[in-house]
PDB file of N, CA and C in Angstrom:
ATOM      1  N   UNK A   1       1.060  -1.479  -0.031  1.00  0.00           N
ATOM      2  CA  UNK A   1       0.092  -0.165   0.304  1.00  0.00           C
ATOM      3  C   UNK A   1       0.836   1.304   0.017  1.00  0.00           C
ATOM      4  N   UNK A   2       2.375   1.184   0.937  1.00  0.00           N
ATOM      5  CA  UNK A   2       2.458   2.385   0.584  1.00  0.00           C
ATOM      6  C   UNK A   2       3.383   2.644  -0.303  1.00  0.00           C
ATOM      7  N   UNK A   3       3.470   1.394  -1.756  1.00  0.00           N
ATOM      8  CA  UNK A   3       4.149   1.979  -2.622  1.00  0.00           C
ATOM      9  C   UNK A   3       3.234   2.292  -3.807  1.00  0.00           C
ATOM     10  N   UNK A   4       2.166   2.177  -3.693  1.00  0.00           N
ATOM     11  CA  UNK A   4       0.614   3.184  -4.281  1.00  0.00           C
ATOM     12  C   UNK A   4       1.102   4.405  -3.798  1.00  0.00           C
ATOM     13  N   UNK A   5       1.005   4.657  -3.000  1.00  0.00           N
ATOM     14  CA  UNK A   5       1.032   5.902  -1.873  1.00  0.00           C
ATOM     15  C   UNK A   5       2.521   6.493  -2.378  1.00  0.00           C
ATOM     16  N   UNK A   6       3.183   6.062  -2.555  1.00  0.00           N
ATOM     17  CA  UNK A   6       4.429   7.397  -3.006  1.00  0.00           C
ATOM     18  C   UNK A   6       4.331   7.118  -4.419  1.00  0.00           C
ATOM     19  N   UNK A   7       3.913   6.275  -4.773  1.00  0.00           N
ATOM     20  CA  UNK A   7       3.998   6.710  -6.868  1.00  0.00           C
ATOM     21  C   UNK A   7       3.109   7.050  -6.931  1.00  0.00           C
ATOM     22  N   UNK A   8       1.849   7.826  -6.329  1.00  0.00           N
ATOM     23  CA  UNK A   8       0.663   8.348  -6.637  1.00  0.00           C
ATOM     24  C   UNK A   8       1.380  10.139  -6.006  1.00  0.00           C
ATOM     25  N   UNK A   9       2.213  10.237  -5.138  1.00  0.00           N
ATOM     26  CA  UNK A   9       2.512  11.272  -4.583  1.00  0.00           C
ATOM     27  C   UNK A   9       3.723  11.926  -5.820  1.00  0.00           C
ATOM     28  N   UNK A  10       4.388  10.809  -6.397  1.00  0.00           N
ATOM     29  CA  UNK A  10       5.879  11.329  -7.851  1.00  0.00           C
ATOM     30  C   UNK A  10       4.551  11.787  -8.166  1.00  0.00           C
ATOM     31  N   UNK A  11       3.808  10.816  -8.900  1.00  0.00           N
ATOM     32  CA  UNK A  11       2.528  11.381 -10.236  1.00  0.00           C
ATOM     33  C   UNK A  11       2.446  12.364 -10.190  1.00  0.00           C
ATOM     34  N   UNK A  12       2.016  13.239  -8.987  1.00  0.00           N
ATOM     35  CA  UNK A  12       1.329  14.069  -8.476  1.00  0.00           C
ATOM     36  C   UNK A  12       2.244  15.510  -8.290  1.00  0.00           C
ATOM     37  N   UNK A  13       3.321  14.573  -7.892  1.00  0.00           N
ATOM     38  CA  UNK A  13       4.880  16.419  -7.671  1.00  0.00           C
ATOM     39  C   UNK A  13       5.587  16.258  -9.302  1.00  0.00           C
ATOM     40  N   UNK A  14       5.205  15.643  -9.780  1.00  0.00           N
ATOM     41  CA  UNK A  14       5.713  15.397 -11.280  1.00  0.00           C
ATOM     42  C   UNK A  14       4.419  16.258 -12.491  1.00  0.00           C
ATOM     43  N   UNK A  15       3.420  15.979 -12.049  1.00  0.00           N
ATOM     44  CA  UNK A  15       1.991  17.097 -12.755  1.00  0.00           C
ATOM     45  C   UNK A  15       2.438  18.063 -12.725  1.00  0.00           C
ATOM     46  N   UNK A  16       2.470  18.556 -11.098  1.00  0.00           N
ATOM     47  CA  UNK A  16       3.195  20.060 -10.651  1.00  0.00           C
ATOM     48  C   UNK A  16       4.008  20.868 -11.025  1.00  0.00           C
ATOM     49  N   UNK A  17       4.944  19.742 -11.174  1.00  0.00           N
ATOM     50  CA  UNK A  17       6.199  20.196 -11.707  1.00  0.00           C
ATOM     51  C   UNK A  17       6.287  20.324 -13.419  1.00  0.00           C
ATOM     52  N   UNK A  18       5.929  19.970 -14.021  1.00  0.00           N
ATOM     53  CA  UNK A  18       5.828  19.808 -15.492  1.00  0.00           C
ATOM     54  C   UNK A  18       4.408  21.242 -15.777  1.00  0.00           C
ATOM     55  N   UNK A  19       3.393  21.911 -15.479  1.00  0.00           N
ATOM     56  CA  UNK A  19       3.409  23.541 -15.130  1.00  0.00           C
ATOM     57  C   UNK A  19       3.331  23.822 -14.508  1.00  0.00           C
ATOM     58  N   UNK A  20       4.190  23.918 -13.715  1.00  0.00           N
ATOM     59  CA  UNK A  20       4.806  25.153 -13.627  1.00  0.00           C
ATOM     60  C   UNK A  20       6.290  25.363 -14.124  1.00  0.00           C
ATOM     61  N   UNK A  21       6.518  23.985 -14.903  1.00  0.00           N
ATOM     62  CA  UNK A  21       7.623  25.054 -15.838  1.00  0.00           C
ATOM     63  C   UNK A  21       7.445  25.565 -17.393  1.00  0.00           C
ATOM     64  N   UNK A  22       6.175  24.875 -17.700  1.00  0.00           N
ATOM     65  CA  UNK A  22       5.026  25.995 -18.273  1.00  0.00           C
ATOM     66  C   UNK A  22       4.399  26.649 -18.030  1.00  0.00           C
ATOM     67  N   UNK A  23       4.259  26.947 -17.148  1.00  0.00           N
ATOM     68  CA  UNK A  23       3.959  28.789 -16.635  1.00  0.00           C
ATOM     69  C   UNK A  23       4.960  29.582 -16.946  1.00  0.00           C
ATOM     70  N   UNK A  24       6.127  28.805 -16.211  1.00  0.00           N
ATOM     71  CA  UNK A  24       7.247  29.383 -16.101  1.00  0.00           C
ATOM     72  C   UNK A  24       7.669  30.346 -17.617  1.00  0.00           C
ATOM     73  N   UNK A  25       7.830  29.086 -18.876  1.00  0.00           N
ATOM     74  CA  UNK A  25       8.385  29.318 -19.931  1.00  0.00           C
ATOM     75  C   UNK A  25       6.878  29.989 -20.849  1.00  0.00           C
ATOM     76  N   UNK A  26       6.175  29.930 -20.530  1.00  0.00           N
ATOM     77  CA  UNK A  26       4.504  30.866 -21.013  1.00  0.00           C
ATOM     78  C   UNK A  26       5.252  32.309 -20.431  1.00  0.00           C
ATOM     79  N   UNK A  27       5.248  32.725 -19.398  1.00  0.00           N
ATOM     80  CA  UNK A  27       5.527  33.487 -19.235  1.00  0.00           C
ATOM     81  C   UNK A  27       6.671  34.714 -19.686  1.00  0.00           C
ATOM     82  N   UNK A  28       8.168  33.685 -19.042  1.00  0.00           N
ATOM     83  CA  UNK A  28       9.317  34.474 -19.802  1.00  0.00           C
ATOM     84  C   UNK A  28       8.846  35.074 -21.622  1.00  0.00           C
ATOM     85  N   UNK A  29       8.417  33.642 -22.117  1.00  0.00           N
ATOM     86  CA  UNK A  29       7.967  34.258 -23.385  1.00  0.00           C
ATOM     87  C   UNK A  29       6.968  35.392 -23.809  1.00  0.00           C
ATOM     88  N   UNK A  30       5.992  35.961 -23.383  1.00  0.00           N
ATOM     89  CA  UNK A  30       5.178  37.127 -22.870  1.00  0.00           C
ATOM     90  C   UNK A  30       5.678  38.421 -22.768  1.00  0.00           C
ATOM     91  N   UNK A  31       6.484  37.929 -21.495  1.00  0.00           N
ATOM     92  CA  UNK A  31       7.443  39.420 -21.072  1.00  0.00           C
ATOM     93  C   UNK A  31       8.183  39.822 -22.520  1.00  0.00           C
ATOM     94  N   UNK A  32       9.404  38.229 -23.051  1.00  0.00           N
ATOM     95  CA  UNK A  32      10.321  39.062 -23.346  1.00  0.00           C
ATOM     96  C   UNK A  32       9.336  39.584 -25.493  1.00  0.00           C
ATOM     97  N   UNK A  33       8.519  38.638 -25.473  1.00  0.00           N
ATOM     98  CA  UNK A  33       8.018  39.470 -27.100  1.00  0.00           C
ATOM     99  C   UNK A  33       7.373  40.328 -27.034  1.00  0.00           C
ATOM    100  N   UNK A  34       6.402  40.773 -25.535  1.00  0.00           N
ATOM    101  CA  UNK A  34       5.909  41.842 -26.047  1.00  0.00           C
ATOM    102  C   UNK A  34       6.590  42.993 -25.018  1.00  0.00           C
ATOM    103  N   UNK A  35       7.861  43.111 -24.288  1.00  0.00           N
ATOM    104  CA  UNK A  35       8.237  44.022 -23.793  1.00  0.00           C
ATOM    105  C   UNK A  35       7.275  44.204 -22.528  1.00  0.00           C
ATOM    106  N   UNK A  36       7.022  43.563 -21.822  1.00  0.00           N
ATOM    107  CA  UNK A  36       6.125  44.090 -20.302  1.00  0.00           C
ATOM    108  C   UNK A  36       6.568  45.034 -19.969  1.00  0.00           C
ATOM    109  N   UNK A  37       6.162  45.840 -19.365  1.00  0.00           N
ATOM    110  CA  UNK A  37       6.461  46.814 -18.556  1.00  0.00           C
ATOM    111  C   UNK A  37       6.568  46.176 -16.990  1.00  0.00           C
ATOM    112  N   UNK A  38       7.245  46.934 -16.167  1.00  0.00           N
ATOM    113  CA  UNK A  38       7.580  46.123 -14.820  1.00  0.00           C
ATOM    114  C   UNK A  38       5.965  46.029 -13.830  1.00  0.00           C
ATOM    115  N   UNK A  39       4.782  46.546 -14.506  1.00  0.00           N
ATOM    116  CA  UNK A  39       3.758  45.733 -13.900  1.00  0.00           C
ATOM    117  C   UNK A  39       3.326  44.322 -14.241  1.00  0.00           C
ATOM    118  N   UNK A  40       4.000  43.982 -15.561  1.00  0.00           N
ATOM    119  CA  UNK A  40       2.993  43.026 -15.783  1.00  0.00           C
ATOM    120  C   UNK A  40       4.699  41.971 -15.524  1.00  0.00           C
ATOM    121  N   UNK A  41       5.864  42.259 -14.996  1.00  0.00           N
ATOM    122  CA  UNK A  41       6.559  41.195 -14.301  1.00  0.00           C
ATOM    123  C   UNK A  41       6.266  41.188 -13.205  1.00  0.00           C
ATOM    124  N   UNK A  42       5.778  42.558 -12.659  1.00  0.00           N
ATOM    125  CA  UNK A  42       5.351  42.373 -10.939  1.00  0.00           C
ATOM    126  C   UNK A  42       4.855  40.668 -10.659  1.00  0.00           C
ATOM    127  N   UNK A  43       3.116  41.154 -11.876  1.00  0.00           N
ATOM    128  CA  UNK A  43       2.044  40.379 -11.610  1.00  0.00           C
ATOM    129  C   UNK A  43       2.217  38.680 -12.482  1.00  0.00           C
ATOM    130  N   UNK A  44       2.986  38.445 -13.293  1.00  0.00           N
ATOM    131  CA  UNK A  44       3.323  37.163 -13.137  1.00  0.00           C
ATOM    132  C   UNK A  44       4.524  36.293 -12.480  1.00  0.00           C
ATOM    133  N   UNK A  45       5.440  37.451 -11.848  1.00  0.00           N
ATOM    134  CA  UNK A  45       6.748  36.731 -10.875  1.00  0.00           C
ATOM    135  C   UNK A  45       5.216  36.848  -9.946  1.00  0.00           C
ATOM    136  N   UNK A  46       4.755  37.729  -9.117  1.00  0.00           N
ATOM    137  CA  UNK A  46       4.592  37.371  -7.953  1.00  0.00           C
ATOM    138  C   UNK A  46       2.879  35.960  -8.151  1.00  0.00           C
ATOM    139  N   UNK A  47       2.006  36.342  -8.758  1.00  0.00           N
ATOM    140  CA  UNK A  47       1.382  34.826  -9.229  1.00  0.00           C
ATOM    141  C   UNK A  47       2.286  33.819  -8.824  1.00  0.00           C
ATOM    142  N   UNK A  48       3.618  33.546  -9.862  1.00  0.00           N
ATOM    143  CA  UNK A  48       3.920  32.530  -9.599  1.00  0.00           C
ATOM    144  C   UNK A  48       4.478  32.030  -8.260  1.00  0.00           C
ATOM    145  N   UNK A  49       4.994  32.924  -7.571  1.00  0.00           N
ATOM    146  CA  UNK A  49       5.452  32.736  -6.525  1.00  0.00           C
ATOM    147  C   UNK A  49       4.051  32.235  -5.512  1.00  0.00           C
ATOM    148  N   UNK A  50       3.074  33.186  -5.767  1.00  0.00           N
ATOM    149  CA  UNK A  50       2.474  32.603  -4.081  1.00  0.00           C
ATOM    150  C   UNK A  50       1.817  31.136  -5.162  1.00  0.00           C
ATOM    151  N   UNK A  51       1.458  30.753  -6.233  1.00  0.00           N
ATOM    152  CA  UNK A  51       0.902  29.243  -6.605  1.00  0.00           C
ATOM    153  C   UNK A  51       1.625  28.281  -6.039  1.00  0.00           C
ATOM    154  N   UNK A  52       3.463  28.861  -6.368  1.00  0.00           N
ATOM    155  CA  UNK A  52       4.712  27.584  -5.832  1.00  0.00           C
ATOM    156  C   UNK A  52       4.426  28.089  -4.082  1.00  0.00           C
ATOM    157  N   UNK A  53       4.484  28.764  -3.373  1.00  0.00           N
ATOM    158  CA  UNK A  53       4.562  29.046  -2.242  1.00  0.00           C
ATOM    159  C   UNK A  53       3.554  27.907  -1.104  1.00  0.00           C
ATOM    160  N   UNK A  54       4.295  27.579  -0.245  1.00  0.00           N
ATOM    161  CA  UNK A  54       3.573  27.058   0.996  1.00  0.00           C
ATOM    162  C   UNK A  54       2.347  27.446   1.474  1.00  0.00           C
ATOM    163  N   UNK A  55       1.893  28.875   1.743  1.00  0.00           N
ATOM    164  CA  UNK A  55       1.331  29.406   2.472  1.00  0.00           C
ATOM    165  C   UNK A  55       0.223  30.106   1.570  1.00  0.00           C
ATOM    166  N   UNK A  56      -1.205  30.068   1.993  1.00  0.00           N
ATOM    167  CA  UNK A  56      -2.259  30.118   1.246  1.00  0.00           C
ATOM    168  C   UNK A  56      -3.326  31.005   1.337  1.00  0.00           C
ATOM    169  N   UNK A  57      -4.328  31.515   1.042  1.00  0.00           N
ATOM    170  CA  UNK A  57      -5.386  32.315   1.415  1.00  0.00           C
ATOM    171  C   UNK A  57      -6.193  31.071   2.689  1.00  0.00           C
ATOM    172  N   UNK A  58      -6.093  30.027   1.559  1.00  0.00           N
ATOM    173  CA  UNK A  58      -7.487  29.302   1.398  1.00  0.00           C
ATOM    174  C   UNK A  58      -6.283  27.571   1.420  1.00  0.00           C
ATOM    175  N   UNK A  59      -6.040  27.045   2.417  1.00  0.00           N
ATOM    176  CA  UNK A  59      -4.587  26.208   2.808  1.00  0.00           C
ATOM    177  C   UNK A  59      -5.304  24.568   1.854  1.00  0.00           C
ATOM    178  N   UNK A  60      -4.691  24.229   1.203  1.00  0.00           N
ATOM    179  CA  UNK A  60      -5.154  22.590   0.568  1.00  0.00           C
ATOM    180  C   UNK A  60      -5.060  21.477   1.365  1.00  0.00           C
ATOM    181  N   UNK A  61      -4.385  21.222   2.213  1.00  0.00           N
ATOM    182  CA  UNK A  61      -4.535  20.098   3.194  1.00  0.00           C
ATOM    183  C   UNK A  61      -5.488  20.115   4.024  1.00  0.00           C
ATOM    184  N   UNK A  62      -6.236  20.930   4.528  1.00  0.00           N
ATOM    185  CA  UNK A  62      -6.814  20.948   5.449  1.00  0.00           C
ATOM    186  C   UNK A  62      -8.449  20.231   3.905  1.00  0.00           C
ATOM    187  N   UNK A  63      -8.416  21.460   3.654  1.00  0.00           N
ATOM    188  CA  UNK A  63      -9.603  21.560   2.273  1.00  0.00           C
ATOM    189  C   UNK A  63     -10.113  20.718   1.577  1.00  0.00           C
ATOM    190  N   UNK A  64      -8.482  19.739   1.044  1.00  0.00           N
ATOM    191  CA  UNK A  64      -8.679  19.023  -0.315  1.00  0.00           C
ATOM    192  C   UNK A  64      -8.370  20.279  -1.686  1.00  0.00           C
ATOM    193  N   UNK A  65      -9.110  19.753  -2.275  1.00  0.00           N
ATOM    194  CA  UNK A  65      -9.337  20.276  -3.687  1.00  0.00           C
ATOM    195  C   UNK A  65      -9.947  21.538  -3.114  1.00  0.00           C
ATOM    196  N   UNK A  66     -10.892  21.830  -2.615  1.00  0.00           N
ATOM    197  CA  UNK A  66     -11.459  23.206  -2.508  1.00  0.00           C
ATOM    198  C   UNK A  66     -10.266  24.322  -2.527  1.00  0.00           C
ATOM    199  N   UNK A  67      -8.946  24.034  -1.610  1.00  0.00           N
ATOM    200  CA  UNK A  67      -8.087  24.494  -1.190  1.00  0.00           C
ATOM    201  C   UNK A  67      -7.347  25.115  -2.276  1.00  0.00           C
ATOM    202  N   UNK A  68      -7.924  24.951  -3.510  1.00  0.00           N
ATOM    203  CA  UNK A  68      -6.803  25.194  -5.095  1.00  0.00           C
ATOM    204  C   UNK A  68      -7.592  26.296  -5.328  1.00  0.00           C
ATOM    205  N   UNK A  69      -8.438  26.732  -5.098  1.00  0.00           N
ATOM    206  CA  UNK A  69      -9.282  27.815  -5.924  1.00  0.00           C
ATOM    207  C   UNK A  69      -8.989  29.178  -5.561  1.00  0.00           C
ATOM    208  N   UNK A  70      -8.202  28.932  -4.554  1.00  0.00           N
ATOM    209  CA  UNK A  70      -7.716  30.005  -4.758  1.00  0.00           C
ATOM    210  C   UNK A  70      -6.311  30.703  -5.328  1.00  0.00           C
ATOM    211  N   UNK A  71      -5.484  29.107  -5.674  1.00  0.00           N
ATOM    212  CA  UNK A  71      -4.128  29.431  -6.708  1.00  0.00           C
ATOM    213  C   UNK A  71      -5.099  29.516  -8.033  1.00  0.00           C
ATOM    214  N   UNK A  72      -5.824  29.110  -8.592  1.00  0.00           N
ATOM    215  CA  UNK A  72      -6.396  28.676 -10.067  1.00  0.00           C
ATOM    216  C   UNK A  72      -7.010  30.378  -9.794  1.00  0.00           C
ATOM    217  N   UNK A  73      -7.699  31.522  -8.840  1.00  0.00           N
ATOM    218  CA  UNK A  73      -7.809  32.393  -8.765  1.00  0.00           C
ATOM    219  C   UNK A  73      -6.882  33.948  -9.105  1.00  0.00           C
ATOM    220  N   UNK A  74      -5.663  33.221  -8.768  1.00  0.00           N
ATOM    221  CA  UNK A  74      -4.605  33.525  -8.804  1.00  0.00           C
ATOM    222  C   UNK A  74      -4.141  34.066 -10.322  1.00  0.00           C
ATOM    223  N   UNK A  75      -4.095  32.626 -10.860  1.00  0.00           N
ATOM    224  CA  UNK A  75      -3.617  32.389 -12.118  1.00  0.00           C
ATOM    225  C   UNK A  75      -4.127  33.156 -13.241  1.00  0.00           C
ATOM    226  N   UNK A  76      -6.009  32.871 -12.462  1.00  0.00           N
ATOM    227  CA  UNK A  76      -6.415  33.604 -13.720  1.00  0.00           C
ATOM    228  C   UNK A  76      -6.406  35.316 -14.124  1.00  0.00           C
ATOM    229  N   UNK A  77      -6.706  35.430 -12.707  1.00  0.00           N
ATOM    230  CA  UNK A  77      -6.326  36.919 -12.122  1.00  0.00           C
ATOM    231  C   UNK A  77      -5.019  37.402 -13.102  1.00  0.00           C
ATOM    232  N   UNK A  78      -3.949  36.844 -13.175  1.00  0.00           N
ATOM    233  CA  UNK A  78      -2.764  37.011 -13.873  1.00  0.00           C
ATOM    234  C   UNK A  78      -3.268  36.927 -15.137  1.00  0.00           C
ATOM    235  N   UNK A  79      -3.393  36.262 -15.326  1.00  0.00           N
ATOM    236  CA  UNK A  79      -3.553  35.804 -17.206  1.00  0.00           C
ATOM    237  C   UNK A  79      -4.206  37.092 -18.110  1.00  0.00           C
ATOM    238  N   UNK A  80      -5.485  37.136 -17.298  1.00  0.00           N
ATOM    239  CA  UNK A  80      -6.969  38.344 -17.669  1.00  0.00           C
ATOM    240  C   UNK A  80      -5.652  39.852 -17.814  1.00  0.00           C
ATOM    241  N   UNK A  81      -5.068  40.020 -16.703  1.00  0.00           N
ATOM    242  CA  UNK A  81      -4.252  41.235 -16.634  1.00  0.00           C
ATOM    243  C   UNK A  81      -3.512  41.474 -17.966  1.00  0.00           C
ATOM    244  N   UNK A  82      -2.254  40.216 -17.743  1.00  0.00           N
ATOM    245  CA  UNK A  82      -1.259  40.363 -18.923  1.00  0.00           C
ATOM    246  C   UNK A  82      -2.018  39.946 -20.450  1.00  0.00           C
ATOM    247  N   UNK A  83      -2.743  39.445 -20.587  1.00  0.00           N
ATOM    248  CA  UNK A  83      -3.771  39.612 -21.614  1.00  0.00           C
ATOM    249  C   UNK A  83      -3.862  41.238 -21.636  1.00  0.00           C
ATOM    250  N   UNK A  84      -4.509  41.669 -20.989  1.00  0.00           N
ATOM    251  CA  UNK A  84      -4.735  43.348 -21.600  1.00  0.00           C
ATOM    252  C   UNK A  84      -3.591  43.880 -21.678  1.00  0.00           C
ATOM    253  N   UNK A  85      -2.627  43.427 -20.837  1.00  0.00           N
ATOM    254  CA  UNK A  85      -1.357  44.111 -20.946  1.00  0.00           C
ATOM    255  C   UNK A  85      -0.759  43.500 -22.651  1.00  0.00           C
ATOM    256  N   UNK A  86      -1.168  42.857 -23.117  1.00  0.00           N
ATOM    257  CA  UNK A  86       0.038  42.113 -24.445  1.00  0.00           C
ATOM    258  C   UNK A  86      -1.302  42.700 -25.137  1.00  0.00           C
ATOM    259  N   UNK A  87      -2.382  43.096 -25.390  1.00  0.00           N
ATOM    260  CA  UNK A  87      -3.062  43.618 -25.894  1.00  0.00           C
ATOM    261  C   UNK A  87      -3.615  45.154 -26.339  1.00  0.00           C
ATOM    262  N   UNK A  88      -2.451  45.612 -25.012  1.00  0.00           N
ATOM    263  CA  UNK A  88      -2.319  47.198 -24.966  1.00  0.00           C
ATOM    264  C   UNK A  88      -1.210  47.360 -25.892  1.00  0.00           C
ATOM    265  N   UNK A  89      -0.310  46.779 -25.646  1.00  0.00           N
ATOM    266  CA  UNK A  89       1.279  46.537 -26.512  1.00  0.00           C
ATOM    267  C   UNK A  89       1.435  46.024 -28.075  1.00  0.00           C
ATOM    268  N   UNK A  90      -0.009  45.160 -28.396  1.00  0.00           N
ATOM    269  CA  UNK A  90      -0.101  45.153 -29.784  1.00  0.00           C
ATOM    270  C   UNK A  90      -0.283  46.215 -30.690  1.00  0.00           C
ATOM    271  N   UNK A  91      -1.662  47.274 -29.577  1.00  0.00           N
ATOM    272  CA  UNK A  91      -1.717  48.449 -30.355  1.00  0.00           C
ATOM    273  C   UNK A  91      -0.371  49.303 -30.888  1.00  0.00           C
ATOM    274  N   UNK A  92       0.093  49.683 -30.134  1.00  0.00           N
ATOM    275  CA  UNK A  92       1.507  50.210 -30.301  1.00  0.00           C
ATOM    276  C   UNK A  92       2.541  49.595 -31.032  1.00  0.00           C
ATOM    277  N   UNK A  93       2.732  50.550 -32.198  1.00  0.00           N
ATOM    278  CA  UNK A  93       4.194  49.890 -32.868  1.00  0.00           C
ATOM    279  C   UNK A  93       5.464  49.699 -31.965  1.00  0.00           C
ATOM    280  N   UNK A  94       6.167  49.023 -32.124  1.00  0.00           N
ATOM    281  CA  UNK A  94       7.482  49.468 -31.470  1.00  0.00           C
ATOM    282  C   UNK A  94       8.533  50.732 -31.609  1.00  0.00           C
ATOM    283  N   UNK A  95       8.187  51.466 -32.401  1.00  0.00           N
ATOM    284  CA  UNK A  95       8.720  52.507 -32.186  1.00  0.00           C
ATOM    285  C   UNK A  95       8.139  53.796 -32.267  1.00  0.00           C
ATOM    286  N   UNK A  96       6.271  53.677 -32.222  1.00  0.00           N
ATOM    287  CA  UNK A  96       6.018  54.538 -32.578  1.00  0.00           C
ATOM    288  C   UNK A  96       4.734  55.036 -31.989  1.00  0.00           C
ATOM    289  N   UNK A  97       3.636  55.879 -32.127  1.00  0.00           N
ATOM    290  CA  UNK A  97       2.544  55.609 -31.168  1.00  0.00           C
ATOM    291  C   UNK A  97       1.703  55.098 -31.644  1.00  0.00           C
ATOM    292  N   UNK A  98       0.200  54.936 -30.779  1.00  0.00           N
ATOM    293  CA  UNK A  98      -0.713  54.169 -30.675  1.00  0.00           C
ATOM    294  C   UNK A  98      -1.491  53.892 -32.281  1.00  0.00           C
ATOM    295  N   UNK A  99      -2.007  52.934 -32.576  1.00  0.00           N
ATOM    296  CA  UNK A  99      -2.584  53.234 -33.778  1.00  0.00           C
ATOM    297  C   UNK A  99      -3.994  53.755 -33.416  1.00  0.00           C
ATOM    298  N   UNK A 100      -4.748  54.708 -33.681  1.00  0.00           N
ATOM    299  CA  UNK A 100      -5.723  55.291 -34.042  1.00  0.00           C
ATOM    300  C   UNK A 100      -6.155  55.668 -35.174  1.00  0.00           C
ATOM    301  N   UNK A 101      -7.828  55.421 -34.936  1.00  0.00           N
ATOM    302  CA  UNK A 101      -8.501  55.484 -36.305  1.00  0.00           C
ATOM    303  C   UNK A 101      -8.699  57.205 -36.813  1.00  0.00           C
ATOM    304  N   UNK A 102      -8.228  57.399 -37.875  1.00  0.00           N
ATOM    305  CA  UNK A 102      -8.135  58.790 -38.430  1.00  0.00           C
ATOM    306  C   UNK A 102      -9.769  59.312 -38.755  1.00  0.00           C
ATOM    307  N   UNK A 103     -10.020  60.073 -38.349  1.00  0.00           N
ATOM    308  CA  UNK A 103     -11.594  60.966 -38.955  1.00  0.00           C
ATOM    309  C   UNK A 103     -11.662  62.076 -39.827  1.00  0.00           C
ATOM    310  N   UNK A 104     -10.447  61.437 -40.649  1.00  0.00           N
ATOM    311  CA  UNK A 104      -9.934  62.221 -41.958  1.00  0.00           C
ATOM    312  C   UNK A 104     -10.102  61.869 -43.199  1.00  0.00           C
ATOM    313  N   UNK A 105     -10.691  62.395 -44.057  1.00  0.00           N
ATOM    314  CA  UNK A 105     -11.225  61.358 -45.392  1.00  0.00           C
ATOM    315  C   UNK A 105      -9.637  61.377 -45.765  1.00  0.00           C
ATOM    316  N   UNK A 106      -9.312  60.460 -46.587  1.00  0.00           N
ATOM    317  CA  UNK A 106      -8.195  59.891 -47.122  1.00  0.00           C
ATOM    318  C   UNK A 106      -8.273  59.744 -48.888  1.00  0.00           C
ATOM    319  N   UNK A 107      -7.337  60.332 -49.541  1.00  0.00           N
ATOM    320  CA  UNK A 107      -7.372  60.372 -50.797  1.00  0.00           C
ATOM    321  C   UNK A 107      -7.986  61.953 -51.372  1.00  0.00           C
ATOM    322  N   UNK A 108      -8.769  62.061 -52.250  1.00  0.00           N
ATOM    323  CA  UNK A 108      -9.600  62.992 -53.381  1.00  0.00           C
ATOM    324  C   UNK A 108     -11.061  63.022 -52.791  1.00  0.00           C
ATOM    325  N   UNK A 109     -11.207  64.576 -52.205  1.00  0.00           N
ATOM    326  CA  UNK A 109     -12.619  64.471 -51.625  1.00  0.00           C
ATOM    327  C   UNK A 109     -12.794  66.070 -52.492  1.00  0.00           C
ATOM    328  N   UNK A 110     -14.197  66.093 -51.833  1.00  0.00           N
ATOM    329  CA  UNK A 110     -14.357  67.613 -52.372  1.00  0.00           C
ATOM    330  C   UNK A 110     -13.425  68.833 -52.515  1.00  0.00           C
ATOM    331  N   UNK A 111     -13.234  69.950 -52.963  1.00  0.00           N
ATOM    332  CA  UNK A 111     -12.399  70.686 -53.024  1.00  0.00           C
ATOM    333  C   UNK A 111     -11.145  70.412 -53.014  1.00  0.00           C
ATOM    334  N   UNK A 112     -10.414  69.200 -53.365  1.00  0.00           N
ATOM    335  CA  UNK A 112      -8.854  68.280 -52.771  1.00  0.00           C
ATOM    336  C   UNK A 112      -8.489  68.352 -54.118  1.00  0.00           C
ATOM    337  N   UNK A 113      -7.435  68.434 -54.665  1.00  0.00           N
ATOM    338  CA  UNK A 113      -6.839  68.256 -55.905  1.00  0.00           C
ATOM    339  C   UNK A 113      -6.010  67.517 -55.910  1.00  0.00           C
TER     340      UNK A 113
END
């Protein structure tokens, strides 16, 4: 019976490690690709630290799966925040000003030559 428990724990720790690596690689990719400001870097790092840290607002040990709710909420909050930052960075070309719609007509119009 202890072998089954040990195998289960190893599998769970392996899954947690893989998810952590995917989160770190994804975060680094987004931060480098879109040149995130310091707020984006802070949100990504603090959310990863919170998820990995043993101190939680809702502990997993006594509450079981319910204790993962705060971790999921932190991850989702950070993802939505980073998504908004990425969308705002996409709207700004690398060396220029934000793209805005121009209300002036283009081309030949009335009174133009």
